[in-house]
Amino acid sequence: MLDQSEVKPVVALDDQRYITLLPDAEYNLEVWENQDGRPHRMGRMDYKFHRDTFAGFIYRLMPTINLVQIHDLQKQINPYFDLEV
């Protein structure tokens, strides 16, 4: 199990949710939510090889998000994987 002390927020989605990147893991992008002061993983994906499904992945977790916000998230995440939007 992943040691929660090693998980650092990389991209904040709102006050309660954030994305972390774990470059050496099979699932290298995780979405976390703080519930009652404890982190809860909402979902994870292999972003490096499946970034074309990122919009649908985020939308299923946060239906209030729009495509412009998703695009802005990808612009923040892509440099960690040497990718461009």
PDB file of N, CA and C in Angstrom:
ATOM      1  N   MET A   1       0.841  -1.176   0.000  1.00  0.00           N
ATOM      2  CA  MET A   1       0.000   0.000   0.000  1.00  0.00           C
ATOM      3  C   MET A   1       0.887   1.240   0.000  1.00  0.00           C
ATOM      4  N   LEU A   2       0.447   2.257  -0.693  1.00  0.00           N
ATOM      5  CA  LEU A   2       1.195   3.496  -0.814  1.00  0.00           C
ATOM      6  C   LEU A   2       1.186   4.251   0.505  1.00  0.00           C
ATOM      7  N   ASP A   3       2.351   4.678   0.948  1.00  0.00           N
ATOM      8  CA  ASP A   3       2.469   5.481   2.163  1.00  0.00           C
ATOM      9  C   ASP A   3       1.903   6.868   1.889  1.00  0.00           C
ATOM     10  N   GLN A   4       0.847   7.244   2.596  1.00  0.00           N
ATOM     11  CA  GLN A   4       0.173   8.517   2.354  1.00  0.00           C
ATOM     12  C   GLN A   4       1.083   9.715   2.615  1.00  0.00           C
ATOM     13  N   SER A   5       2.136   9.551   3.416  1.00  0.00           N
ATOM     14  CA  SER A   5       3.036  10.667   3.672  1.00  0.00           C
ATOM     15  C   SER A   5       3.840  11.025   2.427  1.00  0.00           C
ATOM     16  N   GLU A   6       3.914  10.100   1.454  1.00  0.00           N
ATOM     17  CA  GLU A   6       4.649  10.355   0.220  1.00  0.00           C
ATOM     18  C   GLU A   6       3.788  11.007  -0.854  1.00  0.00           C
ATOM     19  N   VAL A   7       2.471  11.016  -0.677  1.00  0.00           N
ATOM     20  CA  VAL A   7       1.565  11.581  -1.672  1.00  0.00           C
ATOM     21  C   VAL A   7       1.505  13.088  -1.481  1.00  0.00           C
ATOM     22  N   LYS A   8       1.859  13.823  -2.501  1.00  0.00           N
ATOM     23  CA  LYS A   8       1.852  15.283  -2.450  1.00  0.00           C
ATOM     24  C   LYS A   8       0.886  15.807  -3.499  1.00  0.00           C
ATOM     25  N   PRO A   9       0.025  16.746  -3.132  1.00  0.00           N
ATOM     26  CA  PRO A   9      -0.853  17.327  -4.156  1.00  0.00           C
ATOM     27  C   PRO A   9      -0.023  18.031  -5.223  1.00  0.00           C
ATOM     28  N   VAL A  10      -0.366  17.792  -6.449  1.00  0.00           N
ATOM     29  CA  VAL A  10       0.320  18.439  -7.553  1.00  0.00           C
ATOM     30  C   VAL A  10      -0.587  19.495  -8.168  1.00  0.00           C
ATOM     31  N   VAL A  11      -1.817  19.133  -8.421  1.00  0.00           N
ATOM     32  CA  VAL A  11      -2.772  20.048  -9.041  1.00  0.00           C
ATOM     33  C   VAL A  11      -4.050  20.048  -8.205  1.00  0.00           C
ATOM     34  N   ALA A  12      -4.381  21.185  -7.624  1.00  0.00           N
ATOM     35  CA  ALA A  12      -5.612  21.291  -6.841  1.00  0.00           C
ATOM     36  C   ALA A  12      -6.798  21.447  -7.775  1.00  0.00           C
ATOM     37  N   LEU A  13      -7.837  20.648  -7.549  1.00  0.00           N
ATOM     38  CA  LEU A  13      -9.057  20.745  -8.342  1.00  0.00           C
ATOM     39  C   LEU A  13     -10.048  21.699  -7.675  1.00  0.00           C
ATOM     40  N   ASP A  14     -10.127  21.620  -6.368  1.00  0.00           N
ATOM     41  CA  ASP A  14     -10.933  22.535  -5.562  1.00  0.00           C
ATOM     42  C   ASP A  14     -10.409  22.430  -4.127  1.00  0.00           C
ATOM     43  N   ASP A  15     -11.183  22.878  -3.147  1.00  0.00           N
ATOM     44  CA  ASP A  15     -10.715  22.868  -1.760  1.00  0.00           C
ATOM     45  C   ASP A  15     -10.538  21.460  -1.192  1.00  0.00           C
ATOM     46  N   GLN A  16     -11.243  20.500  -1.731  1.00  0.00           N
ATOM     47  CA  GLN A  16     -11.231  19.140  -1.186  1.00  0.00           C
ATOM     48  C   GLN A  16     -10.540  18.107  -2.079  1.00  0.00           C
ATOM     49  N   ARG A  17     -10.392  18.388  -3.363  1.00  0.00           N
ATOM     50  CA  ARG A  17      -9.878  17.393  -4.308  1.00  0.00           C
ATOM     51  C   ARG A  17      -8.604  17.867  -4.983  1.00  0.00           C
ATOM     52  N   TYR A  18      -7.723  16.911  -5.274  1.00  0.00           N
ATOM     53  CA  TYR A  18      -6.459  17.234  -5.926  1.00  0.00           C
ATOM     54  C   TYR A  18      -5.943  16.024  -6.704  1.00  0.00           C
ATOM     55  N   ILE A  19      -5.031  16.304  -7.621  1.00  0.00           N
ATOM     56  CA  ILE A  19      -4.398  15.268  -8.438  1.00  0.00           C
ATOM     57  C   ILE A  19      -2.960  15.110  -7.977  1.00  0.00           C
ATOM     58  N   THR A  20      -2.532  13.864  -7.834  1.00  0.00           N
ATOM     59  CA  THR A  20      -1.131  13.581  -7.550  1.00  0.00           C
ATOM     60  C   THR A  20      -0.551  12.778  -8.703  1.00  0.00           C
ATOM     61  N   LEU A  21       0.740  12.922  -8.898  1.00  0.00           N
ATOM     62  CA  LEU A  21       1.444  12.186  -9.944  1.00  0.00           C
ATOM     63  C   LEU A  21       2.477  11.279  -9.298  1.00  0.00           C
ATOM     64  N   LEU A  22       2.507  10.050  -9.738  1.00  0.00           N
ATOM     65  CA  LEU A  22       3.442   9.049  -9.242  1.00  0.00           C
ATOM     66  C   LEU A  22       4.166   8.470 -10.455  1.00  0.00           C
ATOM     67  N   PRO A  23       5.223   9.131 -10.912  1.00  0.00           N
ATOM     68  CA  PRO A  23       5.854   8.788 -12.195  1.00  0.00           C
ATOM     69  C   PRO A  23       6.291   7.336 -12.344  1.00  0.00           C
ATOM     70  N   ASP A  24       6.680   6.674 -11.263  1.00  0.00           N
ATOM     71  CA  ASP A  24       7.193   5.309 -11.376  1.00  0.00           C
ATOM     72  C   ASP A  24       6.124   4.241 -11.180  1.00  0.00           C
ATOM     73  N   ALA A  25       4.892   4.648 -10.910  1.00  0.00           N
ATOM     74  CA  ALA A  25       3.825   3.684 -10.664  1.00  0.00           C
ATOM     75  C   ALA A  25       3.123   3.300 -11.964  1.00  0.00           C
ATOM     76  N   GLU A  26       2.485   2.135 -11.955  1.00  0.00           N
ATOM     77  CA  GLU A  26       1.730   1.701 -13.132  1.00  0.00           C
ATOM     78  C   GLU A  26       0.585   2.676 -13.405  1.00  0.00           C
ATOM     79  N   TYR A  27      -0.121   3.037 -12.343  1.00  0.00           N
ATOM     80  CA  TYR A  27      -1.152   4.072 -12.445  1.00  0.00           C
ATOM     81  C   TYR A  27      -0.514   5.353 -11.921  1.00  0.00           C
ATOM     82  N   ASN A  28      -0.088   6.216 -12.838  1.00  0.00           N
ATOM     83  CA  ASN A  28       0.761   7.343 -12.452  1.00  0.00           C
ATOM     84  C   ASN A  28       0.005   8.642 -12.189  1.00  0.00           C
ATOM     85  N   LEU A  29      -1.312   8.641 -12.275  1.00  0.00           N
ATOM     86  CA  LEU A  29      -2.115   9.808 -11.946  1.00  0.00           C
ATOM     87  C   LEU A  29      -3.251   9.350 -11.039  1.00  0.00           C
ATOM     88  N   GLU A  30      -3.386  10.021  -9.893  1.00  0.00           N
ATOM     89  CA  GLU A  30      -4.446   9.691  -8.955  1.00  0.00           C
ATOM     90  C   GLU A  30      -5.214  10.944  -8.578  1.00  0.00           C
ATOM     91  N   VAL A  31      -6.519  10.787  -8.394  1.00  0.00           N
ATOM     92  CA  VAL A  31      -7.373  11.881  -7.931  1.00  0.00           C
ATOM     93  C   VAL A  31      -7.777  11.555  -6.504  1.00  0.00           C
ATOM     94  N   TRP A  32      -7.507  12.500  -5.599  1.00  0.00           N
ATOM     95  CA  TRP A  32      -7.774  12.320  -4.175  1.00  0.00           C
ATOM     96  C   TRP A  32      -8.792  13.339  -3.694  1.00  0.00           C
ATOM     97  N   GLU A  33      -9.518  12.953  -2.640  1.00  0.00           N
ATOM     98  CA  GLU A  33     -10.478  13.845  -2.004  1.00  0.00           C
ATOM     99  C   GLU A  33     -10.291  13.733  -0.494  1.00  0.00           C
ATOM    100  N   ASN A  34     -10.292  14.866   0.190  1.00  0.00           N
ATOM    101  CA  ASN A  34     -10.235  14.861   1.647  1.00  0.00           C
ATOM    102  C   ASN A  34     -11.650  14.702   2.183  1.00  0.00           C
ATOM    103  N   GLN A  35     -11.878  13.617   2.906  1.00  0.00           N
ATOM    104  CA  GLN A  35     -13.182  13.358   3.524  1.00  0.00           C
ATOM    105  C   GLN A  35     -12.975  13.283   5.029  1.00  0.00           C
ATOM    106  N   ASP A  36     -13.566  14.204   5.733  1.00  0.00           N
ATOM    107  CA  ASP A  36     -13.436  14.245   7.193  1.00  0.00           C
ATOM    108  C   ASP A  36     -11.973  14.287   7.628  1.00  0.00           C
ATOM    109  N   GLY A  37     -11.164  15.033   6.891  1.00  0.00           N
ATOM    110  CA  GLY A  37      -9.754  15.189   7.239  1.00  0.00           C
ATOM    111  C   GLY A  37      -8.860  14.038   6.839  1.00  0.00           C
ATOM    112  N   ARG A  38      -9.402  13.038   6.161  1.00  0.00           N
ATOM    113  CA  ARG A  38      -8.603  11.893   5.712  1.00  0.00           C
ATOM    114  C   ARG A  38      -8.632  11.815   4.199  1.00  0.00           C
ATOM    115  N   PRO A  39      -7.505  11.522   3.568  1.00  0.00           N
ATOM    116  CA  PRO A  39      -7.496  11.397   2.108  1.00  0.00           C
ATOM    117  C   PRO A  39      -8.190  10.114   1.643  1.00  0.00           C
ATOM    118  N   HIS A  40      -8.927  10.239   0.553  1.00  0.00           N
ATOM    119  CA  HIS A  40      -9.629   9.115  -0.059  1.00  0.00           C
ATOM    120  C   HIS A  40      -9.352   9.164  -1.564  1.00  0.00           C
ATOM    121  N   ARG A  41      -8.826   8.088  -2.115  1.00  0.00           N
ATOM    122  CA  ARG A  41      -8.552   8.055  -3.548  1.00  0.00           C
ATOM    123  C   ARG A  41      -9.846   7.833  -4.310  1.00  0.00           C
ATOM    124  N   MET A  42     -10.174   8.769  -5.195  1.00  0.00           N
ATOM    125  CA  MET A  42     -11.391   8.687  -6.002  1.00  0.00           C
ATOM    126  C   MET A  42     -11.175   7.851  -7.252  1.00  0.00           C
ATOM    127  N   GLY A  43      -9.971   7.904  -7.811  1.00  0.00           N
ATOM    128  CA  GLY A  43      -9.678   7.167  -9.033  1.00  0.00           C
ATOM    129  C   GLY A  43      -8.224   7.304  -9.407  1.00  0.00           C
ATOM    130  N   ARG A  44      -7.788   6.438 -10.308  1.00  0.00           N
ATOM    131  CA  ARG A  44      -6.406   6.506 -10.797  1.00  0.00           C
ATOM    132  C   ARG A  44      -6.367   5.996 -12.223  1.00  0.00           C
ATOM    133  N   MET A  45      -5.343   6.428 -12.944  1.00  0.00           N
ATOM    134  CA  MET A  45      -5.210   6.020 -14.334  1.00  0.00           C
ATOM    135  C   MET A  45      -3.748   6.071 -14.759  1.00  0.00           C
ATOM    136  N   ASP A  46      -3.438   5.442 -15.861  1.00  0.00           N
ATOM    137  CA  ASP A  46      -2.116   5.522 -16.478  1.00  0.00           C
ATOM    138  C   ASP A  46      -2.175   6.687 -17.466  1.00  0.00           C
ATOM    139  N   TYR A  47      -1.809   7.856 -16.999  1.00  0.00           N
ATOM    140  CA  TYR A  47      -1.932   9.068 -17.805  1.00  0.00           C
ATOM    141  C   TYR A  47      -0.971   9.082 -18.983  1.00  0.00           C
ATOM    142  N   LYS A  48       0.212   8.588 -18.782  1.00  0.00           N
ATOM    143  CA  LYS A  48       1.227   8.685 -19.832  1.00  0.00           C
ATOM    144  C   LYS A  48       0.785   7.997 -21.120  1.00  0.00           C
ATOM    145  N   PHE A  49       0.125   6.861 -21.011  1.00  0.00           N
ATOM    146  CA  PHE A  49      -0.262   6.106 -22.203  1.00  0.00           C
ATOM    147  C   PHE A  49      -1.746   6.209 -22.552  1.00  0.00           C
ATOM    148  N   HIS A  50      -2.539   6.823 -21.658  1.00  0.00           N
ATOM    149  CA  HIS A  50      -3.978   6.911 -21.914  1.00  0.00           C
ATOM    150  C   HIS A  50      -4.499   8.323 -21.693  1.00  0.00           C
ATOM    151  N   ARG A  51      -3.688   9.311 -21.982  1.00  0.00           N
ATOM    152  CA  ARG A  51      -4.111  10.687 -21.718  1.00  0.00           C
ATOM    153  C   ARG A  51      -5.279  11.119 -22.606  1.00  0.00           C
ATOM    154  N   ASP A  52      -5.516  10.415 -23.691  1.00  0.00           N
ATOM    155  CA  ASP A  52      -6.653  10.754 -24.550  1.00  0.00           C
ATOM    156  C   ASP A  52      -7.987  10.450 -23.864  1.00  0.00           C
ATOM    157  N   THR A  53      -7.993   9.639 -22.813  1.00  0.00           N
ATOM    158  CA  THR A  53      -9.217   9.349 -22.065  1.00  0.00           C
ATOM    159  C   THR A  53      -9.331  10.189 -20.791  1.00  0.00           C
ATOM    160  N   PHE A  54      -8.389  11.110 -20.588  1.00  0.00           N
ATOM    161  CA  PHE A  54      -8.360  11.911 -19.363  1.00  0.00           C
ATOM    162  C   PHE A  54      -9.636  12.730 -19.174  1.00  0.00           C
ATOM    163  N   ALA A  55     -10.139  13.340 -20.232  1.00  0.00           N
ATOM    164  CA  ALA A  55     -11.332  14.182 -20.113  1.00  0.00           C
ATOM    165  C   ALA A  55     -12.517  13.375 -19.582  1.00  0.00           C
ATOM    166  N   GLY A  56     -12.749  12.200 -20.127  1.00  0.00           N
ATOM    167  CA  GLY A  56     -13.844  11.357 -19.652  1.00  0.00           C
ATOM    168  C   GLY A  56     -13.619  10.877 -18.224  1.00  0.00           C
ATOM    169  N   PHE A  57     -12.374  10.556 -17.901  1.00  0.00           N
ATOM    170  CA  PHE A  57     -12.024  10.106 -16.552  1.00  0.00           C
ATOM    171  C   PHE A  57     -12.350  11.180 -15.517  1.00  0.00           C
ATOM    172  N   ILE A  58     -11.897  12.407 -15.765  1.00  0.00           N
ATOM    173  CA  ILE A  58     -12.149  13.514 -14.833  1.00  0.00           C
ATOM    174  C   ILE A  58     -13.629  13.866 -14.802  1.00  0.00           C
ATOM    175  N   TYR A  59     -14.271  13.866 -15.944  1.00  0.00           N
ATOM    176  CA  TYR A  59     -15.689  14.218 -15.993  1.00  0.00           C
ATOM    177  C   TYR A  59     -16.549  13.237 -15.180  1.00  0.00           C
ATOM    178  N   ARG A  60     -16.207  11.942 -15.216  1.00  0.00           N
ATOM    179  CA  ARG A  60     -16.954  10.965 -14.418  1.00  0.00           C
ATOM    180  C   ARG A  60     -16.781  11.218 -12.923  1.00  0.00           C
ATOM    181  N   LEU A  61     -15.604  11.691 -12.521  1.00  0.00           N
ATOM    182  CA  LEU A  61     -15.362  11.975 -11.111  1.00  0.00           C
ATOM    183  C   LEU A  61     -15.954  13.307 -10.673  1.00  0.00           C
ATOM    184  N   MET A  62     -15.964  14.285 -11.590  1.00  0.00           N
ATOM    185  CA  MET A  62     -16.432  15.642 -11.284  1.00  0.00           C
ATOM    186  C   MET A  62     -17.321  16.137 -12.426  1.00  0.00           C
ATOM    187  N   PRO A  63     -18.596  15.791 -12.444  1.00  0.00           N
ATOM    188  CA  PRO A  63     -19.479  16.157 -13.565  1.00  0.00           C
ATOM    189  C   PRO A  63     -19.671  17.659 -13.752  1.00  0.00           C
ATOM    190  N   THR A  64     -19.306  18.483 -12.788  1.00  0.00           N
ATOM    191  CA  THR A  64     -19.481  19.933 -12.920  1.00  0.00           C
ATOM    192  C   THR A  64     -18.334  20.602 -13.657  1.00  0.00           C
ATOM    193  N   ILE A  65     -17.279  19.863 -13.963  1.00  0.00           N
ATOM    194  CA  ILE A  65     -16.114  20.430 -14.647  1.00  0.00           C
ATOM    195  C   ILE A  65     -16.419  20.580 -16.142  1.00  0.00           C
ATOM    196  N   ASN A  66     -15.813  21.590 -16.776  1.00  0.00           N
ATOM    197  CA  ASN A  66     -16.037  21.758 -18.212  1.00  0.00           C
ATOM    198  C   ASN A  66     -14.749  21.470 -18.989  1.00  0.00           C
ATOM    199  N   LEU A  67     -14.858  21.416 -20.306  1.00  0.00           N
ATOM    200  CA  LEU A  67     -13.710  21.031 -21.135  1.00  0.00           C
ATOM    201  C   LEU A  67     -12.556  22.031 -21.069  1.00  0.00           C
ATOM    202  N   VAL A  68     -12.845  23.297 -20.900  1.00  0.00           N
ATOM    203  CA  VAL A  68     -11.775  24.288 -20.783  1.00  0.00           C
ATOM    204  C   VAL A  68     -10.974  24.040 -19.501  1.00  0.00           C
ATOM    205  N   GLN A  69     -11.664  23.729 -18.416  1.00  0.00           N
ATOM    206  CA  GLN A  69     -10.973  23.428 -17.163  1.00  0.00           C
ATOM    207  C   GLN A  69     -10.146  22.148 -17.283  1.00  0.00           C
ATOM    208  N   ILE A  70     -10.679  21.160 -17.976  1.00  0.00           N
ATOM    209  CA  ILE A  70      -9.936  19.914 -18.187  1.00  0.00           C
ATOM    210  C   ILE A  70      -8.687  20.183 -19.022  1.00  0.00           C
ATOM    211  N   HIS A  71      -8.815  20.997 -20.053  1.00  0.00           N
ATOM    212  CA  HIS A  71      -7.664  21.350 -20.882  1.00  0.00           C
ATOM    213  C   HIS A  71      -6.599  22.070 -20.050  1.00  0.00           C
ATOM    214  N   ASP A  72      -7.023  22.977 -19.171  1.00  0.00           N
ATOM    215  CA  ASP A  72      -6.079  23.677 -18.298  1.00  0.00           C
ATOM    216  C   ASP A  72      -5.372  22.704 -17.351  1.00  0.00           C
ATOM    217  N   LEU A  73      -6.091  21.695 -16.865  1.00  0.00           N
ATOM    218  CA  LEU A  73      -5.467  20.677 -16.023  1.00  0.00           C
ATOM    219  C   LEU A  73      -4.394  19.925 -16.794  1.00  0.00           C
ATOM    220  N   GLN A  74      -4.705  19.559 -18.030  1.00  0.00           N
ATOM    221  CA  GLN A  74      -3.726  18.832 -18.838  1.00  0.00           C
ATOM    222  C   GLN A  74      -2.488  19.682 -19.112  1.00  0.00           C
ATOM    223  N   LYS A  75      -2.663  20.976 -19.292  1.00  0.00           N
ATOM    224  CA  LYS A  75      -1.507  21.851 -19.507  1.00  0.00           C
ATOM    225  C   LYS A  75      -0.613  21.887 -18.272  1.00  0.00           C
ATOM    226  N   GLN A  76      -1.185  21.708 -17.091  1.00  0.00           N
ATOM    227  CA  GLN A  76      -0.394  21.682 -15.866  1.00  0.00           C
ATOM    228  C   GLN A  76       0.279  20.326 -15.649  1.00  0.00           C
ATOM    229  N   ILE A  77      -0.370  19.255 -16.079  1.00  0.00           N
ATOM    230  CA  ILE A  77       0.120  17.896 -15.845  1.00  0.00           C
ATOM    231  C   ILE A  77       1.158  17.461 -16.878  1.00  0.00           C
ATOM    232  N   ASN A  78       0.962  17.820 -18.153  1.00  0.00           N
ATOM    233  CA  ASN A  78       1.803  17.317 -19.237  1.00  0.00           C
ATOM    234  C   ASN A  78       3.305  17.540 -19.062  1.00  0.00           C
ATOM    235  N   PRO A  79       3.766  18.657 -18.511  1.00  0.00           N
ATOM    236  CA  PRO A  79       5.219  18.815 -18.350  1.00  0.00           C
ATOM    237  C   PRO A  79       5.864  17.740 -17.478  1.00  0.00           C
ATOM    238  N   TYR A  80       5.127  17.151 -16.562  1.00  0.00           N
ATOM    239  CA  TYR A  80       5.686  16.089 -15.717  1.00  0.00           C
ATOM    240  C   TYR A  80       5.965  14.825 -16.520  1.00  0.00           C
ATOM    241  N   PHE A  81       5.320  14.684 -17.671  1.00  0.00           N
ATOM    242  CA  PHE A  81       5.515  13.510 -18.517  1.00  0.00           C
ATOM    243  C   PHE A  81       6.187  13.870 -19.843  1.00  0.00           C
ATOM    244  N   ASP A  82       6.727  15.084 -19.940  1.00  0.00           N
ATOM    245  CA  ASP A  82       7.348  15.565 -21.184  1.00  0.00           C
ATOM    246  C   ASP A  82       6.389  15.487 -22.364  1.00  0.00           C
ATOM    247  N   LEU A  83       5.135  15.861 -22.126  1.00  0.00           N
ATOM    248  CA  LEU A  83       4.104  15.850 -23.152  1.00  0.00           C
ATOM    249  C   LEU A  83       3.624  17.277 -23.392  1.00  0.00           C
ATOM    250  N   GLU A  84       3.049  17.515 -24.548  1.00  0.00           N
ATOM    251  CA  GLU A  84       2.458  18.808 -24.870  1.00  0.00           C
ATOM    252  C   GLU A  84       0.969  18.640 -25.109  1.00  0.00           C
ATOM    253  N   VAL A  85       0.228  19.709 -24.888  1.00  0.00           N
ATOM    254  CA  VAL A  85      -1.218  19.680 -25.156  1.00  0.00           C
ATOM    255  C   VAL A  85      -1.442  20.096 -26.575  1.00  0.00           C
TER     256      VAL A  85
END
